[in-house]
Structures are given as structure tokens and as C-alpha cells.
Protein backbone atom coordinates (compact mmCIF):
# COMPACT_ATOMS: atom_id res chain seq x y z
CA MET A 1 35.88 -19.92 -82.74
CA GLU A 2 36.15 -20.96 -79.16
CA ASN A 3 38.41 -23.25 -77.82
CA TYR A 4 36.61 -25.21 -75.61
CA ARG A 5 39.45 -28.31 -74.87
CA ASP A 6 41.47 -25.27 -72.31
CA LEU A 7 38.30 -24.94 -70.58
CA PHE A 8 39.27 -27.53 -68.06
CA SER A 9 43.36 -26.74 -67.96
CA LEU A 10 44.29 -25.74 -64.74
CA GLU A 11 47.65 -24.23 -66.22
CA GLY A 12 49.38 -21.41 -64.31
CA LYS A 13 46.45 -21.94 -61.07
CA THR A 14 47.56 -22.40 -58.01
CA ALA A 15 45.39 -25.04 -55.54
CA LEU A 16 45.16 -25.58 -51.82
CA ILE A 17 43.70 -28.40 -50.50
CA THR A 18 42.81 -29.09 -47.15
CA GLY A 19 42.92 -32.80 -45.82
CA GLY A 20 44.96 -33.41 -49.13
CA THR A 21 47.23 -35.88 -47.92
CA GLY A 22 45.15 -38.52 -47.97
CA GLY A 23 41.78 -40.10 -49.18
CA LEU A 24 39.75 -37.92 -52.09
CA GLY A 25 41.85 -34.87 -51.23
CA SER A 26 44.67 -36.83 -52.06
CA ALA A 27 43.13 -37.47 -55.53
CA ILE A 28 41.96 -34.26 -56.21
CA ALA A 29 45.39 -33.38 -56.00
CA LEU A 30 46.67 -35.71 -58.12
CA ALA A 31 44.26 -34.42 -60.90
CA PHE A 32 44.63 -30.69 -60.17
CA LEU A 33 48.50 -31.46 -60.73
CA GLN A 34 48.05 -33.54 -64.05
CA GLN A 35 45.90 -31.10 -65.63
CA GLY A 36 48.70 -28.32 -64.62
CA ALA A 37 48.27 -26.72 -61.69
CA ASN A 38 50.56 -26.38 -58.45
CA VAL A 39 49.30 -27.23 -55.41
CA ALA A 40 49.95 -27.00 -51.64
CA VAL A 41 48.04 -29.75 -49.40
CA CYS A 42 47.50 -29.34 -45.70
CA GLY A 43 46.45 -32.01 -43.09
CA GLY A 44 47.51 -33.64 -40.02
CA HIS A 45 50.28 -36.24 -41.62
CA PRO A 46 52.00 -33.99 -44.05
CA GLU A 47 54.78 -36.84 -44.56
CA LYS A 48 51.82 -38.90 -46.49
CA SER A 49 51.96 -36.62 -49.25
CA ALA A 50 55.55 -38.24 -50.61
CA GLY A 51 53.90 -39.66 -53.89
CA LEU A 52 52.14 -36.07 -54.81
CA ALA A 53 55.75 -35.10 -53.92
CA ASP A 54 57.51 -37.32 -56.34
CA TYR A 55 54.99 -36.97 -59.14
CA ALA A 56 55.14 -32.79 -58.93
CA ALA A 57 58.83 -33.02 -59.21
CA GLN A 58 58.65 -35.33 -62.10
CA ALA A 59 55.76 -33.14 -63.74
CA GLY A 60 58.25 -29.52 -63.40
CA ARG A 61 54.50 -28.28 -61.04
CA LYS A 62 55.22 -26.62 -57.56
CA PHE A 63 54.05 -28.49 -54.18
CA LEU A 64 53.73 -27.95 -50.88
CA SER A 65 52.46 -30.39 -47.85
CA ILE A 66 51.90 -28.61 -44.98
CA ARG A 67 51.36 -29.36 -41.35
CA CYS A 68 47.67 -27.28 -40.03
CA ASP A 69 44.94 -27.55 -37.93
CA ILE A 70 42.87 -25.45 -39.78
CA GLN A 71 40.61 -25.08 -36.80
CA LYS A 72 43.60 -22.64 -35.33
CA GLN A 73 44.15 -19.31 -36.57
CA SER A 74 47.62 -18.95 -35.48
CA ASP A 75 47.85 -22.56 -37.88
CA ILE A 76 46.50 -20.62 -40.35
CA ASP A 77 48.13 -17.77 -40.48
CA ASN A 78 51.72 -19.78 -40.96
CA MET A 79 50.65 -21.82 -43.92
CA LEU A 80 49.20 -19.02 -45.73
CA ASN A 81 52.35 -17.23 -45.14
CA GLU A 82 53.86 -19.99 -46.53
CA ILE A 83 52.14 -20.53 -49.63
CA GLU A 84 52.66 -16.70 -50.41
CA GLU A 85 56.70 -16.81 -50.06
CA GLN A 86 56.52 -20.17 -52.04
CA LEU A 87 53.74 -20.30 -54.44
CA ASP A 88 53.06 -16.98 -54.41
CA THR A 89 48.97 -16.52 -54.72
CA LEU A 90 46.08 -19.23 -54.81
CA ASP A 91 43.62 -19.29 -56.88
CA ILE A 92 41.28 -22.77 -55.58
CA LEU A 93 40.64 -24.02 -52.55
CA VAL A 94 39.36 -27.36 -51.92
CA ASN A 95 37.84 -28.28 -48.60
CA SER A 96 38.62 -31.64 -48.19
CA ALA A 97 39.07 -32.00 -44.66
CA GLY A 98 36.64 -33.43 -42.45
CA MET A 99 35.55 -36.10 -40.00
CA ASN A 100 32.68 -38.49 -38.27
CA ARG A 101 32.05 -39.94 -34.73
CA LEU A 102 30.10 -42.81 -35.11
CA LEU A 103 27.76 -42.53 -31.89
CA PRO A 104 23.58 -42.78 -31.27
CA ALA A 105 22.18 -39.72 -31.46
CA GLU A 106 20.96 -40.22 -27.34
CA ASP A 107 24.17 -41.14 -27.02
CA TYR A 108 26.37 -38.55 -28.84
CA THR A 109 28.22 -36.66 -26.42
CA GLU A 110 28.80 -33.02 -26.67
CA GLU A 111 32.63 -33.48 -26.99
CA ALA A 112 32.28 -35.80 -30.16
CA PHE A 113 29.32 -33.46 -31.31
CA ASP A 114 31.92 -29.52 -31.60
CA GLN A 115 34.97 -32.49 -32.57
CA VAL A 116 32.63 -33.67 -35.62
CA MET A 117 31.04 -29.62 -35.87
CA GLY A 118 34.30 -28.25 -35.03
CA LEU A 119 36.63 -29.49 -38.08
CA ASN A 120 33.68 -30.04 -40.86
CA VAL A 121 32.03 -26.28 -40.32
CA LYS A 122 34.50 -23.93 -38.31
CA GLY A 123 37.51 -25.21 -39.52
CA LEU A 124 36.14 -24.31 -43.40
CA HIS A 125 34.77 -21.11 -42.47
CA LEU A 126 38.31 -20.06 -41.20
CA ILE A 127 39.96 -21.40 -44.05
CA THR A 128 38.05 -20.08 -46.35
CA LYS A 129 37.76 -16.33 -44.79
CA ALA A 130 41.60 -16.64 -44.51
CA VAL A 131 42.68 -17.61 -48.31
CA GLY A 132 39.29 -15.22 -49.45
CA LYS A 133 40.46 -12.63 -47.97
CA ARG A 134 44.34 -12.74 -48.31
CA PHE A 135 44.13 -14.04 -52.40
CA MET A 136 40.79 -14.30 -53.74
CA ILE A 137 39.09 -11.19 -53.24
CA PRO A 138 41.76 -8.23 -53.78
CA ARG A 139 42.27 -10.42 -57.42
CA ASN A 140 38.36 -10.62 -58.22
CA TYR A 141 38.75 -14.03 -58.89
CA GLY A 142 38.58 -17.51 -56.82
CA ARG A 143 37.08 -20.70 -57.33
CA ILE A 144 36.17 -22.46 -54.08
CA LEU A 145 35.17 -26.22 -53.84
CA ASN A 146 33.58 -27.59 -50.04
CA LEU A 147 33.44 -31.75 -50.15
CA SER A 148 29.83 -32.04 -48.67
CA SER A 149 28.04 -35.65 -48.45
CA VAL A 150 25.08 -37.18 -50.15
CA LYS A 151 24.40 -37.56 -46.14
CA SER A 152 23.55 -33.85 -46.13
CA LEU A 153 20.06 -34.71 -48.49
CA ILE A 154 19.25 -38.00 -47.24
CA GLY A 155 18.54 -39.70 -43.37
CA THR A 156 20.49 -42.92 -42.13
CA THR A 157 19.18 -44.79 -39.67
CA GLU A 158 21.81 -44.60 -37.61
CA ASN A 159 24.86 -42.86 -36.20
CA TYR A 160 25.61 -40.16 -38.36
CA ILE A 161 23.42 -37.36 -36.38
CA ALA A 162 26.74 -35.06 -36.03
CA TYR A 163 28.66 -35.86 -39.42
CA CYS A 164 24.46 -35.12 -41.19
CA ALA A 165 24.31 -31.63 -39.47
CA SER A 166 27.89 -30.62 -40.41
CA LYS A 167 27.60 -31.43 -43.89
CA GLY A 168 24.06 -30.04 -44.36
CA ALA A 169 25.81 -26.82 -42.87
CA VAL A 170 28.63 -26.93 -45.46
CA ASN A 171 25.47 -27.28 -48.44
CA MET A 172 23.88 -23.92 -47.09
CA TYR A 173 27.66 -22.35 -46.23
CA THR A 174 27.96 -22.71 -50.21
CA LYS A 175 24.71 -21.37 -51.58
CA GLN A 176 25.42 -18.50 -48.96
CA LEU A 177 29.15 -17.96 -50.10
CA ALA A 178 28.41 -18.18 -53.37
CA CYS A 179 25.77 -14.84 -52.99
CA GLU A 180 28.08 -13.25 -50.78
CA TRP A 181 31.25 -13.30 -53.10
CA GLY A 182 29.57 -13.45 -56.56
CA LYS A 183 30.61 -9.67 -57.01
CA TYR A 184 34.28 -10.81 -56.40
CA ARG A 185 33.97 -13.25 -59.25
CA ILE A 186 34.22 -15.62 -56.95
CA THR A 187 32.46 -19.52 -57.61
CA CYS A 188 31.68 -21.80 -54.60
CA ASN A 189 30.01 -24.98 -55.36
CA ALA A 190 29.96 -28.05 -52.78
CA ILE A 191 30.45 -32.26 -54.34
CA ALA A 192 28.20 -34.40 -52.32
CA PRO A 193 29.80 -38.43 -52.81
CA THR A 194 28.17 -40.81 -51.55
CA PHE A 195 30.70 -44.13 -50.27
CA VAL A 196 33.64 -43.74 -51.99
CA ARG A 197 36.34 -46.26 -50.25
CA THR A 198 38.81 -43.68 -47.77
CA PRO A 199 40.29 -44.44 -44.59
CA ILE A 200 37.58 -43.08 -42.92
CA ASN A 201 35.38 -45.67 -44.12
CA SER A 202 36.71 -48.77 -45.48
CA PHE A 203 35.96 -50.84 -42.51
CA GLN A 204 32.16 -50.21 -42.74
CA LEU A 205 33.25 -51.32 -47.16
CA ASP A 206 34.77 -54.30 -46.04
CA ASP A 207 31.44 -55.65 -44.41
CA PRO A 208 29.98 -57.81 -47.57
CA ALA A 209 26.52 -57.11 -46.20
CA PHE A 210 27.27 -53.25 -45.89
CA CYS A 211 28.45 -53.05 -49.35
CA LYS A 212 25.57 -55.23 -51.12
CA LYS A 213 23.03 -52.91 -49.14
CA LEU A 214 24.58 -50.25 -49.93
CA THR A 215 25.28 -51.22 -53.72
CA ASP A 216 21.89 -52.58 -54.19
CA ARG A 217 20.30 -48.92 -53.58
CA ILE A 218 22.59 -47.10 -56.42
CA PRO A 219 21.24 -47.68 -60.05
CA LEU A 220 24.70 -47.58 -61.53
CA GLY A 221 24.98 -50.66 -58.90
CA ARG A 222 28.91 -49.65 -57.13
CA ILE A 223 30.40 -47.38 -54.91
CA GLY A 224 32.50 -44.08 -55.75
CA GLN A 225 35.65 -44.77 -56.84
CA GLU A 226 38.15 -41.51 -56.21
CA ARG A 227 38.58 -40.74 -59.85
CA ASP A 228 34.18 -40.15 -59.77
CA ILE A 229 35.36 -36.94 -57.21
CA ALA A 230 38.45 -35.74 -58.92
CA ALA A 231 36.68 -35.66 -62.11
CA ALA A 232 34.13 -33.46 -60.54
CA ALA A 233 36.52 -31.71 -58.88
CA LEU A 234 38.35 -30.54 -61.81
CA TYR A 235 35.29 -29.33 -63.91
CA LEU A 236 34.11 -27.44 -60.58
CA CYS A 237 37.30 -25.79 -60.65
CA SER A 238 38.73 -24.97 -64.06
CA ASP A 239 37.24 -22.16 -66.20
CA ALA A 240 34.56 -24.41 -67.85
CA ALA A 241 32.30 -23.87 -64.14
CA GLU A 242 33.23 -19.78 -64.21
CA PHE A 243 28.88 -19.74 -64.55
CA VAL A 244 28.55 -22.46 -62.17
CA SER A 245 27.96 -20.92 -58.41
CA GLY A 246 26.21 -22.04 -55.04
CA GLN A 247 25.35 -25.49 -56.54
CA VAL A 248 25.49 -28.97 -54.50
CA LEU A 249 26.70 -31.71 -57.27
CA THR A 250 25.97 -35.19 -56.26
CA VAL A 251 28.29 -38.00 -57.84
CA ASP A 252 26.39 -41.05 -56.71
CA GLY A 253 25.45 -43.12 -59.32
CA GLY A 254 21.92 -41.75 -58.67
CA LEU A 255 21.85 -42.90 -55.30
CA THR A 256 19.52 -39.64 -54.17
CA SER A 257 17.17 -39.70 -56.92
CA MET A 258 16.09 -43.42 -55.85
CA GLN A 259 14.58 -42.09 -52.62
């Protein structure tokens, strides 16, 4: 008889979560720790992960928090050396690092555009390539999850030109990598959330008029919560989703169905 309960367990797995020291990344990291995984997180502020480190120690999990700029190959190499030394291998990669610059399209500078595309697309590729070649391809196993956005699927009235373009690129990157690395039994999927309160957008959600305008368009009548995204990540990175690849899962309360 099939044991479906264990399909969602991450016991014995090891995950790396970029952008894992805050926002959605830290919520995913906590969910993975609670489901039995050992976890490494990276970002620009490793000191922000003290709460995750405390939980991991209490739960008997291994945990690393590493300062790393995923746009720099030398940083990536040093981080993966440390992960291999401390955690042995990686089974799961969650690309949660991302940024936005809010500027009108006609005033979007080359510097700002390169910043957004550099982290959201180039950095995602560099870390994915490195983790895949070093840990996943040799073992014929891997789960890769990219954080996209509903803004990869629907437009907005202003100020998101680079962000929308970058997340659209993430969606196609996800699909193409699923095609190329399927032969290695590596799945690659993406989650496209609507607004979830994080440090990157809290200033917008603190505006009652903005928040009402947004929730009026969502059939379920609320913005996203961190647990919504963490739950989707758990599914797509578990063995329950071993036959799911190349998909962009919208976690948006029905928003994109209303367009």
C-alpha cells in the first residue's frame, strides 16, 4: 500500500534558499526545517537568520547562514565549498532572492534596469548552474524552485517595467531548464505569488487605498500570506511533486483568473 503521508516529508534532504534571510525566503526556510530538511540560506544579511538558527538547533537540524552575492561567481564558489564541507550535498534549490526598482518606463535608467535583471535573472542562472553541475546532475536528483510573480503574467499601470520583464524571463527559464535537465531527474518549477507582505513591498501595503484596490481584484478577498507561499514550496520541492516540472504555479487567491 502506498504511503502518501511521507510523500510530503523533506526528512534527509538538504536545501539552499537564496534570499533566505528575510521575507518569503525565511518563511520557506522555516517550513523546510519543520518538515525535516537541513537548510542553508544566503543573502546580504546573514545576521537576520538568528531565529531560524535557534529553531534548527532545537529541532536537531543542520543550518547555515552565508553571506553571498549570487551575481559573483567567486561568492557562489566559496558558498558551495562551505555547504559541501558542512552539509555534504544539496537536494533542493529555492531561488528566492529578488529586487525591484520602482520607476516609470520612460525614466528607467540603464543602471536600475541592470540591477533588477542582474539579481532576478543573471544571479538566478549563476547559482542554478553551479548547484546543478556540482550536486544535482552527478546524483541524478534535484528539485529547483524559482520565485516568480503574477507580474510575469499580467501587467500593471506603472513603474514595474524591469521587474515584470525579469519575472517573465524567470518563467521561461523555468520551463526551458525543466526540458534540459529532465534527463537528470531534476524538476524545475516556479511559484508566481500575488502581493505578500514583505520588506520589499510593505510601504505599498501600508497604504489603505492601495490595499483595498488590490484586494477588490482578488476573489478570495485578501493579500497573500507567507504560509501560502511556503506551503506551495513544500509541495513542489517534495517527492509528492516528482512528476511536476516546468510549471508556474500562481498562488494569488484567484487574481489572474479575474483578468
